[in-house]
């Protein structure tokens, strides 16, 4: 992986994890609003459901979102190879952790999210 601009970083890393998790939960009946608030809401939901892996994934999403938001204001910043690899591995690990959640647990996570006022 080679270094890229903050714009490239912002464009690919967060959406990959976000879309995997949001898509799976939406398929389980969790309603989202198709707005910028969905990022914030998804992170909050994952933190509130009391599932260790969901909480970890929510924290990774929060970290990636924080880094992405920072990159929004540093348009000419260059992300180092080391940082790019770290963030890629973190995002990949979050997706792998999510994919490993048993179906019954995922159903329970979705149920708990739907019960959040």
Protein backbone atom coordinates (compact mmCIF):
# COMPACT_ATOMS: atom_id res chain seq x y z
CA UNK A 1 0.00 0.00 0.00
CA UNK A 2 1.40 3.41 -0.86
CA UNK A 3 0.75 6.73 0.77
CA UNK A 4 -2.22 8.71 -0.40
CA UNK A 5 -3.92 11.99 0.20
CA UNK A 6 -6.30 12.60 3.07
CA UNK A 7 -9.06 12.68 0.46
CA UNK A 8 -8.31 9.10 -0.63
CA UNK A 9 -8.16 7.99 2.99
CA UNK A 10 -11.48 9.65 3.75
CA UNK A 11 -13.13 8.18 0.68
CA UNK A 12 -12.42 4.49 1.25
CA UNK A 13 -11.68 3.36 4.79
CA UNK A 14 -14.70 4.48 6.83
CA UNK A 15 -17.36 3.74 4.19
CA UNK A 16 -16.14 0.15 3.84
CA UNK A 17 -16.71 -0.74 7.50
CA UNK A 18 -19.79 1.45 7.85
CA UNK A 19 -21.52 -0.03 4.80
CA UNK A 20 -20.87 -3.64 5.83
CA UNK A 21 -22.26 -3.14 9.33
CA UNK A 22 -25.14 -0.84 8.41
CA UNK A 23 -26.20 -3.05 5.52
CA UNK A 24 -26.31 -6.19 7.64
CA UNK A 25 -28.27 -4.50 10.43
CA UNK A 26 -30.67 -2.88 7.96
CA UNK A 27 -31.30 -6.34 6.50
CA UNK A 28 -32.27 -7.43 10.04
CA UNK A 29 -34.86 -4.64 10.22
CA UNK A 30 -32.90 -1.83 11.87
CA UNK A 31 -34.15 1.47 10.42
CA UNK A 32 -31.66 4.09 9.30
CA UNK A 33 -32.40 7.50 7.83
CA UNK A 34 -29.94 7.56 4.92
CA UNK A 35 -28.38 10.71 6.31
CA UNK A 36 -25.10 11.81 7.88
CA UNK A 37 -26.67 11.04 11.28
CA UNK A 38 -26.53 7.34 10.48
CA UNK A 39 -22.79 7.27 11.25
CA UNK A 40 -23.32 8.76 14.69
CA UNK A 41 -26.40 6.63 15.36
CA UNK A 42 -24.74 3.36 14.34
CA UNK A 43 -21.77 4.04 16.62
CA UNK A 44 -24.10 4.84 19.52
CA UNK A 45 -26.26 1.76 18.89
CA UNK A 46 -23.26 -0.55 18.86
CA UNK A 47 -22.03 0.94 22.13
CA UNK A 48 -25.42 0.49 23.83
CA UNK A 49 -26.33 -3.11 22.99
CA UNK A 50 -24.03 -4.74 25.53
CA UNK A 51 -22.31 -7.09 23.10
CA UNK A 52 -18.51 -7.14 23.34
CA UNK A 53 -17.83 -7.47 19.61
CA UNK A 54 -20.48 -4.89 18.70
CA UNK A 55 -18.92 -2.46 21.17
CA UNK A 56 -15.47 -3.06 19.66
CA UNK A 57 -16.78 -2.47 16.14
CA UNK A 58 -18.53 0.71 17.30
CA UNK A 59 -15.26 1.94 18.79
CA UNK A 60 -13.38 1.22 15.56
CA UNK A 61 -16.06 3.09 13.60
CA UNK A 62 -15.78 5.99 16.03
CA UNK A 63 -11.99 6.05 15.68
CA UNK A 64 -12.19 5.92 11.88
CA UNK A 65 -14.85 8.63 11.84
CA UNK A 66 -12.75 10.87 14.08
CA UNK A 67 -9.74 10.39 11.81
CA UNK A 68 -11.86 10.96 8.72
CA UNK A 69 -13.35 14.16 10.14
CA UNK A 70 -9.85 15.39 10.95
CA UNK A 71 -8.79 14.64 7.38
CA UNK A 72 -11.71 16.76 6.13
CA UNK A 73 -9.90 19.84 7.40
CA UNK A 74 -6.43 18.83 6.25
CA UNK A 75 -7.06 18.39 2.54
CA UNK A 76 -3.39 18.44 1.56
CA UNK A 77 -2.25 16.08 4.29
CA UNK A 78 -0.42 12.95 3.22
CA UNK A 79 -1.19 9.75 5.09
CA UNK A 80 1.97 7.72 5.66
CA UNK A 81 2.33 4.12 4.58
CA UNK A 82 2.57 3.08 8.23
CA UNK A 83 -0.66 4.91 9.13
CA UNK A 84 -2.43 3.61 6.03
CA UNK A 85 -1.50 0.03 6.85
CA UNK A 86 -2.55 0.43 10.49
CA UNK A 87 -5.93 1.90 9.58
CA UNK A 88 -6.47 -0.72 6.88
CA UNK A 89 -5.74 -3.53 9.33
CA UNK A 90 -8.00 -1.97 11.95
CA UNK A 91 -10.86 -1.65 9.44
CA UNK A 92 -10.30 -5.18 8.11
CA UNK A 93 -10.24 -6.53 11.66
CA UNK A 94 -13.54 -4.82 12.44
CA UNK A 95 -15.17 -6.35 9.36
CA UNK A 96 -13.78 -9.79 10.22
CA UNK A 97 -15.02 -9.43 13.81
CA UNK A 98 -18.46 -8.42 12.54
CA UNK A 99 -18.59 -11.30 10.07
CA UNK A 100 -17.72 -13.72 12.89
CA UNK A 101 -20.68 -12.67 15.07
CA UNK A 102 -23.03 -15.66 15.20
CA UNK A 103 -26.37 -15.17 13.46
CA UNK A 104 -28.30 -15.49 16.71
CA UNK A 105 -26.15 -12.80 18.33
CA UNK A 106 -26.63 -10.53 15.33
CA UNK A 107 -30.40 -11.00 15.57
CA UNK A 108 -30.23 -10.09 19.26
CA UNK A 109 -28.09 -7.03 18.52
CA UNK A 110 -30.62 -5.89 15.92
CA UNK A 111 -33.51 -6.50 18.35
CA UNK A 112 -31.79 -4.45 21.06
CA UNK A 113 -31.06 -1.61 18.62
CA UNK A 114 -34.71 -1.56 17.55
CA UNK A 115 -35.72 -1.25 21.21
CA UNK A 116 -33.55 1.84 21.76
CA UNK A 117 -35.82 4.89 22.03
